[in-house]
Amino acid sequence: MTRIHVSLAARDIAASRRFYETLFGQPPVKDLPGYVKFSVADPSVNLSLVQSDRPGAPGPVRHYGIEVDSTEAVVGAHGRIRAAGFATMDETGTTCCFAVQDKVWAVDPDGNRWEIFVVLAAAEEMGDAPPPMPGDSVWHYNGPTGQAQLKQSELIQRIGQNPSGNHQVWKAGMSEWQSWRNVP
């Protein structure tokens, strides 16, 4: 069998374990102090998480992705990831990489971007770069770790560290503070 191996540094290995268990829909095959390994048949990947106080800075990797065979599978992944308390962003009928796609985006606790997508048709153009997920919009945050003004990426990471906490958010255009679970 041939499979791709990816090793990612994780600040909070428990939070990262939960994210990837949700993403792949299965538990890890190894869960040891400072190390978690997923061996997934579909998509065929060996993914390991290694505890690190200083994960690698974002570099030339734009994102990771999982291609599925239907929009229903994209919708199912969206529901599963969102139900686990992780932020998501949907794109429907978007042009990317010379293909029309439906997709959902999610960000792991260390800021690694993942897309789950289906190719609907070929396209004549490259399309847009991946969306600003997380974006640069400024959010006001009030939650278990105090109050702050954060970029969307920082907000998603903070909520991901304690997804069951009482997180209230507000940004320009919203009339009042809302639970982060109610924000599209």
Protein backbone atom coordinates (compact mmCIF):
# COMPACT_ATOMS: atom_id res chain seq x y z
CA MET A 1 0.00 0.00 0.00
CA THR A 2 1.17 3.53 -0.74
CA ARG A 3 0.03 6.47 1.33
CA ILE A 4 1.13 10.03 1.96
CA HIS A 5 2.69 10.84 5.33
CA VAL A 6 2.35 14.28 6.92
CA SER A 7 3.81 15.21 10.32
CA LEU A 8 2.49 18.37 11.98
CA ALA A 9 3.68 20.16 15.10
CA ALA A 10 0.90 20.79 17.64
CA ARG A 11 0.86 23.26 20.52
CA ASP A 12 -2.15 21.59 22.16
CA ILE A 13 -2.00 17.96 21.13
CA ALA A 14 -5.37 17.11 22.73
CA ALA A 15 -7.17 19.85 20.78
CA SER A 16 -5.38 18.83 17.58
CA ARG A 17 -6.25 15.17 18.19
CA ARG A 18 -9.93 16.13 18.52
CA PHE A 19 -9.82 18.22 15.32
CA TYR A 20 -8.27 15.43 13.23
CA GLU A 21 -10.46 12.74 14.77
CA THR A 22 -13.42 14.86 13.62
CA LEU A 23 -11.89 15.61 10.21
CA PHE A 24 -11.12 11.96 9.44
CA GLY A 25 -14.13 10.48 11.27
CA GLN A 26 -12.03 7.96 13.17
CA PRO A 27 -9.78 7.76 16.23
CA PRO A 28 -6.00 7.69 16.03
CA VAL A 29 -4.15 4.37 15.82
CA LYS A 30 -1.55 5.63 18.33
CA ASP A 31 -2.13 8.08 21.16
CA LEU A 32 1.01 8.39 23.26
CA PRO A 33 2.38 11.24 25.37
CA GLY A 34 3.40 13.96 22.92
CA TYR A 35 2.54 11.89 19.83
CA VAL A 36 -0.68 11.00 18.00
CA LYS A 37 -0.86 9.03 14.74
CA PHE A 38 -3.79 8.61 12.35
CA SER A 39 -3.66 5.90 9.69
CA VAL A 40 -6.56 6.60 7.37
CA ALA A 41 -7.59 4.39 4.45
CA ASP A 42 -9.80 6.94 2.69
CA PRO A 43 -8.13 9.30 1.98
CA SER A 44 -4.97 7.24 2.24
CA VAL A 45 -2.80 9.20 4.66
CA ASN A 46 -0.53 8.63 7.63
CA LEU A 47 -0.79 11.81 9.70
CA SER A 48 1.19 12.29 12.88
CA LEU A 49 0.93 15.07 15.43
CA VAL A 50 3.98 15.86 17.54
CA GLN A 51 3.74 18.02 20.67
CA SER A 52 5.70 21.24 20.25
CA ASP A 53 5.71 24.52 22.10
CA ARG A 54 6.80 26.17 18.86
CA PRO A 55 5.07 24.74 15.82
CA GLY A 56 6.63 25.70 12.53
CA ALA A 57 5.67 29.11 11.24
CA PRO A 58 3.35 29.07 8.28
CA GLY A 59 5.50 28.66 5.22
CA PRO A 60 4.92 27.95 1.57
CA VAL A 61 2.08 25.48 2.27
CA ARG A 62 -1.15 27.23 1.32
CA HIS A 63 -3.49 24.56 2.65
CA TYR A 64 -4.22 20.84 2.81
CA GLY A 65 -7.25 19.23 1.20
CA ILE A 66 -9.38 16.14 0.93
CA GLU A 67 -11.21 15.56 -2.35
CA VAL A 68 -14.53 13.76 -1.94
CA ASP A 69 -16.94 12.43 -4.53
CA SER A 70 -20.09 14.48 -3.88
CA THR A 71 -21.51 17.73 -2.56
CA GLU A 72 -23.34 15.61 0.03
CA ALA A 73 -19.95 14.47 1.37
CA VAL A 74 -18.85 18.12 1.62
CA VAL A 75 -22.07 19.00 3.48
CA GLY A 76 -21.56 16.01 5.78
CA ALA A 77 -18.00 17.09 6.59
CA HIS A 78 -19.22 20.63 7.27
CA GLY A 79 -21.84 19.35 9.72
CA ARG A 80 -19.42 17.03 11.49
CA ILE A 81 -16.71 19.69 11.88
CA ARG A 82 -19.14 22.42 12.96
CA ALA A 83 -20.91 20.07 15.43
CA ALA A 84 -17.54 19.40 17.06
CA GLY A 85 -17.20 23.14 17.71
CA PHE A 86 -14.73 24.10 14.99
CA ALA A 87 -15.32 27.12 12.76
CA THR A 88 -16.04 26.45 9.09
CA MET A 89 -16.47 28.47 5.92
CA ASP A 90 -18.37 27.24 2.87
CA GLU A 91 -17.81 27.95 -0.81
CA THR A 92 -20.41 26.82 -3.32
CA GLY A 93 -19.76 26.75 -7.05
CA THR A 94 -16.41 28.47 -6.66
CA THR A 95 -13.75 28.37 -9.37
CA CYS A 96 -10.39 27.16 -8.11
CA CYS A 97 -7.53 25.36 -9.86
CA PHE A 98 -9.32 25.32 -13.23
CA ALA A 99 -12.33 23.55 -11.68
CA VAL A 100 -15.75 24.49 -10.35
CA GLN A 101 -15.97 23.17 -6.79
CA ASP A 102 -18.12 23.01 -3.69
CA LYS A 103 -16.03 23.04 -0.54
CA VAL A 104 -15.85 23.67 3.17
CA TRP A 105 -12.81 25.16 4.92
CA ALA A 106 -11.67 24.49 8.50
CA VAL A 107 -8.60 25.48 10.49
CA ASP A 108 -6.90 23.20 13.02
CA PRO A 109 -5.83 24.54 16.44
CA ASP A 110 -2.37 25.42 15.06
CA GLY A 111 -3.64 27.37 12.06
CA ASN A 112 -3.30 24.68 9.36
CA ARG A 113 -6.01 25.24 6.75
CA TRP A 114 -7.96 22.28 5.40
CA GLU A 115 -10.48 22.12 2.58
CA ILE A 116 -12.90 19.30 1.89
CA PHE A 117 -14.01 19.67 -1.72
CA VAL A 118 -15.75 18.09 -4.70
CA VAL A 119 -14.95 18.95 -8.32
CA LEU A 120 -18.20 19.66 -10.18
CA ALA A 121 -16.84 20.62 -13.62
CA ALA A 122 -13.79 21.84 -15.48
CA ALA A 123 -13.25 25.61 -15.70
CA GLU A 124 -11.47 27.81 -18.23
CA GLU A 125 -9.64 29.86 -15.59
CA MET A 126 -7.54 29.31 -12.49
CA GLY A 127 -9.98 31.15 -10.26
CA ASP A 128 -9.32 32.97 -7.06
CA ALA A 129 -6.71 32.18 -4.46
CA PRO A 130 -8.00 30.42 -1.36
CA PRO A 131 -10.24 32.78 0.57
CA PRO A 132 -8.96 34.64 3.60
CA MET A 133 -9.78 31.79 5.95
CA PRO A 134 -9.04 32.86 8.51
CA GLY A 135 -9.51 36.44 7.39
CA ASP A 136 -8.24 39.77 8.51
CA SER A 137 -11.52 41.13 9.86
CA VAL A 138 -11.22 42.30 13.46
CA TRP A 139 -13.46 40.60 16.01
CA HIS A 140 -14.12 41.67 19.57
CA TYR A 141 -13.95 38.66 21.86
CA ASN A 142 -15.19 38.04 25.41
CA GLY A 143 -14.75 34.54 26.78
CA PRO A 144 -13.05 32.21 29.25
CA THR A 145 -9.63 33.67 28.47
CA GLY A 146 -10.66 37.32 28.83
CA GLN A 147 -11.43 40.11 26.41
CA ALA A 148 -9.47 40.96 23.27
CA GLN A 149 -9.58 42.35 19.76
CA LEU A 150 -8.46 39.58 17.42
CA LYS A 151 -8.09 38.83 13.74
CA GLN A 152 -10.43 36.07 12.62
CA SER A 153 -7.51 33.60 12.52
CA GLU A 154 -6.64 34.34 16.16
CA LEU A 155 -10.31 34.12 17.15
CA ILE A 156 -10.66 30.68 15.56
CA GLN A 157 -7.51 29.44 17.29
CA ARG A 158 -8.62 30.80 20.68
CA ILE A 159 -12.06 29.19 20.42
CA GLY A 160 -10.45 25.96 19.18
CA GLN A 161 -8.41 25.76 22.39
CA ASN A 162 -11.62 25.68 24.49
CA PRO A 163 -14.51 24.97 22.10
CA SER A 164 -17.07 24.27 24.83
CA GLY A 165 -16.46 27.60 26.61
CA ASN A 166 -18.85 30.56 26.61
CA HIS A 167 -17.38 32.62 23.76
CA GLN A 168 -19.12 35.89 22.87
CA VAL A 169 -18.08 37.73 19.70
CA TRP A 170 -18.90 40.98 17.95
CA LYS A 171 -17.63 42.74 14.82
CA ALA A 172 -18.61 45.74 12.75
CA GLY A 173 -22.01 45.23 11.17
CA MET A 174 -23.39 43.15 14.06
CA SER A 175 -25.95 44.81 16.32
CA GLU A 176 -24.96 43.01 19.54
CA TRP A 177 -22.68 40.43 21.12
CA GLN A 178 -23.49 36.90 19.97
CA SER A 179 -22.46 33.41 20.90
CA TRP A 180 -19.78 32.36 18.39
CA ARG A 181 -21.98 29.33 17.59
CA ASN A 182 -24.63 31.68 16.14
CA VAL A 183 -22.25 33.48 13.82
CA PRO A 184 -22.29 32.17 10.23
